[in-house]
């Protein structure tokens, strides 16, 4: 019962984070700046991939919720997890959509 309660609280907090992020209209320019600071080491300066995959068309392969979970959870090693506020996550999403 305690384990379920902990999972339930964490799960609800994650849902609030996703909902808040998706309600925002991010900035592709701000997302590009964040990408260049945090992501180019694995995804390359043009997001065409190095250690990490090419991110062009990622928004056609994954929906925004899946992308948020990937970035915040680092679901596919060696992808690290990132603690990122909803505004900046929204900016990253907007940038990724600009890569289509």
C-alpha atoms as a PDB file:
ATOM      1  CA  UNK A   1       0.000   0.000   0.000  1.00  0.00           C
ATOM      2  CA  UNK A   2       2.810   2.449   0.789  1.00  0.00           C
ATOM      3  CA  UNK A   3       4.563   1.678  -2.501  1.00  0.00           C
ATOM      4  CA  UNK A   4       1.317   2.291  -4.385  1.00  0.00           C
ATOM      5  CA  UNK A   5       0.845   5.637  -2.622  1.00  0.00           C
ATOM      6  CA  UNK A   6       4.359   6.775  -3.493  1.00  0.00           C
ATOM      7  CA  UNK A   7       3.852   5.724  -7.119  1.00  0.00           C
ATOM      8  CA  UNK A   8       0.492   7.476  -7.244  1.00  0.00           C
ATOM      9  CA  UNK A   9       1.918  10.763  -5.931  1.00  0.00           C
ATOM     10  CA  UNK A  10       4.889  10.649  -8.313  1.00  0.00           C
ATOM     11  CA  UNK A  11       2.642   9.709 -11.221  1.00  0.00           C
ATOM     12  CA  UNK A  12       0.260  12.626 -10.520  1.00  0.00           C
ATOM     13  CA  UNK A  13       3.131  15.099 -10.164  1.00  0.00           C
ATOM     14  CA  UNK A  14       4.477  13.940 -13.527  1.00  0.00           C
ATOM     15  CA  UNK A  15       1.033  14.421 -15.116  1.00  0.00           C
ATOM     16  CA  UNK A  16       0.790  17.981 -13.767  1.00  0.00           C
ATOM     17  CA  UNK A  17       4.235  18.733 -15.164  1.00  0.00           C
ATOM     18  CA  UNK A  18       3.262  17.380 -18.592  1.00  0.00           C
ATOM     19  CA  UNK A  19      -0.054  19.249 -18.611  1.00  0.00           C
ATOM     20  CA  UNK A  20       1.606  22.505 -17.572  1.00  0.00           C
ATOM     21  CA  UNK A  21       4.313  22.074 -20.205  1.00  0.00           C
ATOM     22  CA  UNK A  22       1.818  21.350 -22.979  1.00  0.00           C
ATOM     23  CA  UNK A  23      -0.289  24.389 -22.061  1.00  0.00           C
ATOM     24  CA  UNK A  24       2.662  26.686 -22.808  1.00  0.00           C
ATOM     25  CA  UNK A  25       3.641  27.991 -26.219  1.00  0.00           C
ATOM     26  CA  UNK A  26       7.419  27.768 -26.190  1.00  0.00           C
ATOM     27  CA  UNK A  27       9.999  29.665 -28.163  1.00  0.00           C
ATOM     28  CA  UNK A  28      11.997  27.839 -30.841  1.00  0.00           C
ATOM     29  CA  UNK A  29      14.808  30.382 -30.429  1.00  0.00           C
ATOM     30  CA  UNK A  30      15.026  29.770 -26.677  1.00  0.00           C
ATOM     31  CA  UNK A  31      14.804  26.022 -27.320  1.00  0.00           C
ATOM     32  CA  UNK A  32      17.658  26.260 -29.829  1.00  0.00           C
ATOM     33  CA  UNK A  33      19.813  28.012 -27.219  1.00  0.00           C
ATOM     34  CA  UNK A  34      18.991  25.341 -24.613  1.00  0.00           C
ATOM     35  CA  UNK A  35      19.708  22.613 -27.154  1.00  0.00           C
ATOM     36  CA  UNK A  36      23.123  24.122 -27.933  1.00  0.00           C
ATOM     37  CA  UNK A  37      24.006  24.243 -24.241  1.00  0.00           C
ATOM     38  CA  UNK A  38      22.769  20.786 -23.243  1.00  0.00           C
ATOM     39  CA  UNK A  39      22.297  18.493 -26.226  1.00  0.00           C
ATOM     40  CA  UNK A  40      24.892  19.053 -28.967  1.00  0.00           C
ATOM     41  CA  UNK A  41      27.431  16.723 -27.355  1.00  0.00           C
ATOM     42  CA  UNK A  42      25.244  13.750 -28.250  1.00  0.00           C
ATOM     43  CA  UNK A  43      22.905  15.016 -30.977  1.00  0.00           C
ATOM     44  CA  UNK A  44      25.295  17.328 -32.869  1.00  0.00           C
ATOM     45  CA  UNK A  45      25.128  21.057 -33.526  1.00  0.00           C
ATOM     46  CA  UNK A  46      22.530  20.556 -36.274  1.00  0.00           C
ATOM     47  CA  UNK A  47      20.620  17.829 -34.365  1.00  0.00           C
ATOM     48  CA  UNK A  48      21.586  15.269 -37.029  1.00  0.00           C
ATOM     49  CA  UNK A  49      22.936  12.856 -34.427  1.00  0.00           C
ATOM     50  CA  UNK A  50      26.257  11.644 -33.072  1.00  0.00           C
ATOM     51  CA  UNK A  51      26.036   9.322 -30.065  1.00  0.00           C
ATOM     52  CA  UNK A  52      22.356  10.202 -29.842  1.00  0.00           C
ATOM     53  CA  UNK A  53      19.942   9.920 -32.763  1.00  0.00           C
ATOM     54  CA  UNK A  54      19.090  12.432 -35.463  1.00  0.00           C
ATOM     55  CA  UNK A  55      16.253  14.547 -34.044  1.00  0.00           C
ATOM     56  CA  UNK A  56      14.877  15.810 -37.334  1.00  0.00           C
ATOM     57  CA  UNK A  57      11.323  14.517 -37.649  1.00  0.00           C
ATOM     58  CA  UNK A  58      11.374  13.275 -34.018  1.00  0.00           C
ATOM     59  CA  UNK A  59       8.003  14.968 -33.536  1.00  0.00           C
ATOM     60  CA  UNK A  60       6.602  12.724 -36.264  1.00  0.00           C
ATOM     61  CA  UNK A  61       7.879   9.593 -34.494  1.00  0.00           C
ATOM     62  CA  UNK A  62       7.037  10.568 -30.900  1.00  0.00           C
ATOM     63  CA  UNK A  63       4.226  12.699 -29.527  1.00  0.00           C
ATOM     64  CA  UNK A  64       4.986  15.604 -27.194  1.00  0.00           C
ATOM     65  CA  UNK A  65       4.199  13.584 -24.044  1.00  0.00           C
ATOM     66  CA  UNK A  66       6.641  10.875 -25.129  1.00  0.00           C
ATOM     67  CA  UNK A  67       9.330  13.474 -25.850  1.00  0.00           C
ATOM     68  CA  UNK A  68       8.821  15.074 -22.432  1.00  0.00           C
ATOM     69  CA  UNK A  69       9.135  11.665 -20.750  1.00  0.00           C
ATOM     70  CA  UNK A  70      12.280  10.907 -22.764  1.00  0.00           C
ATOM     71  CA  UNK A  71      13.973  14.197 -21.864  1.00  0.00           C
ATOM     72  CA  UNK A  72      12.999  14.184 -18.188  1.00  0.00           C
ATOM     73  CA  UNK A  73      13.449  10.453 -17.679  1.00  0.00           C
ATOM     74  CA  UNK A  74      16.348   9.555 -19.948  1.00  0.00           C
ATOM     75  CA  UNK A  75      14.479   6.435 -21.006  1.00  0.00           C
ATOM     76  CA  UNK A  76      16.959   5.169 -23.594  1.00  0.00           C
ATOM     77  CA  UNK A  77      20.553   4.900 -22.398  1.00  0.00           C
ATOM     78  CA  UNK A  78      22.926   6.618 -22.671  1.00  0.00           C
ATOM     79  CA  UNK A  79      20.400   9.496 -22.622  1.00  0.00           C
ATOM     80  CA  UNK A  80      20.626  11.208 -19.233  1.00  0.00           C
ATOM     81  CA  UNK A  81      17.555  12.521 -17.456  1.00  0.00           C
ATOM     82  CA  UNK A  82      17.177  16.286 -17.246  1.00  0.00           C
ATOM     83  CA  UNK A  83      15.448  18.338 -14.575  1.00  0.00           C
ATOM     84  CA  UNK A  84      13.911  21.065 -16.672  1.00  0.00           C
ATOM     85  CA  UNK A  85      11.141  23.480 -15.794  1.00  0.00           C
ATOM     86  CA  UNK A  86       7.951  23.479 -17.895  1.00  0.00           C
ATOM     87  CA  UNK A  87       8.823  26.748 -19.683  1.00  0.00           C
ATOM     88  CA  UNK A  88      12.169  25.443 -20.895  1.00  0.00           C
ATOM     89  CA  UNK A  89      10.715  22.035 -21.751  1.00  0.00           C
ATOM     90  CA  UNK A  90       8.112  23.856 -23.836  1.00  0.00           C
ATOM     91  CA  UNK A  91      10.948  25.756 -25.550  1.00  0.00           C
ATOM     92  CA  UNK A  92      12.734  22.476 -26.359  1.00  0.00           C
ATOM     93  CA  UNK A  93       9.501  21.039 -27.794  1.00  0.00           C
ATOM     94  CA  UNK A  94       9.007  24.106 -29.987  1.00  0.00           C
ATOM     95  CA  UNK A  95      12.598  23.802 -31.218  1.00  0.00           C
ATOM     96  CA  UNK A  96      12.158  20.100 -31.993  1.00  0.00           C
ATOM     97  CA  UNK A  97       8.996  20.888 -33.954  1.00  0.00           C
ATOM     98  CA  UNK A  98      11.001  23.435 -35.970  1.00  0.00           C
ATOM     99  CA  UNK A  99      13.323  20.623 -37.151  1.00  0.00           C
ATOM    100  CA  UNK A 100      10.643  18.880 -39.197  1.00  0.00           C
END
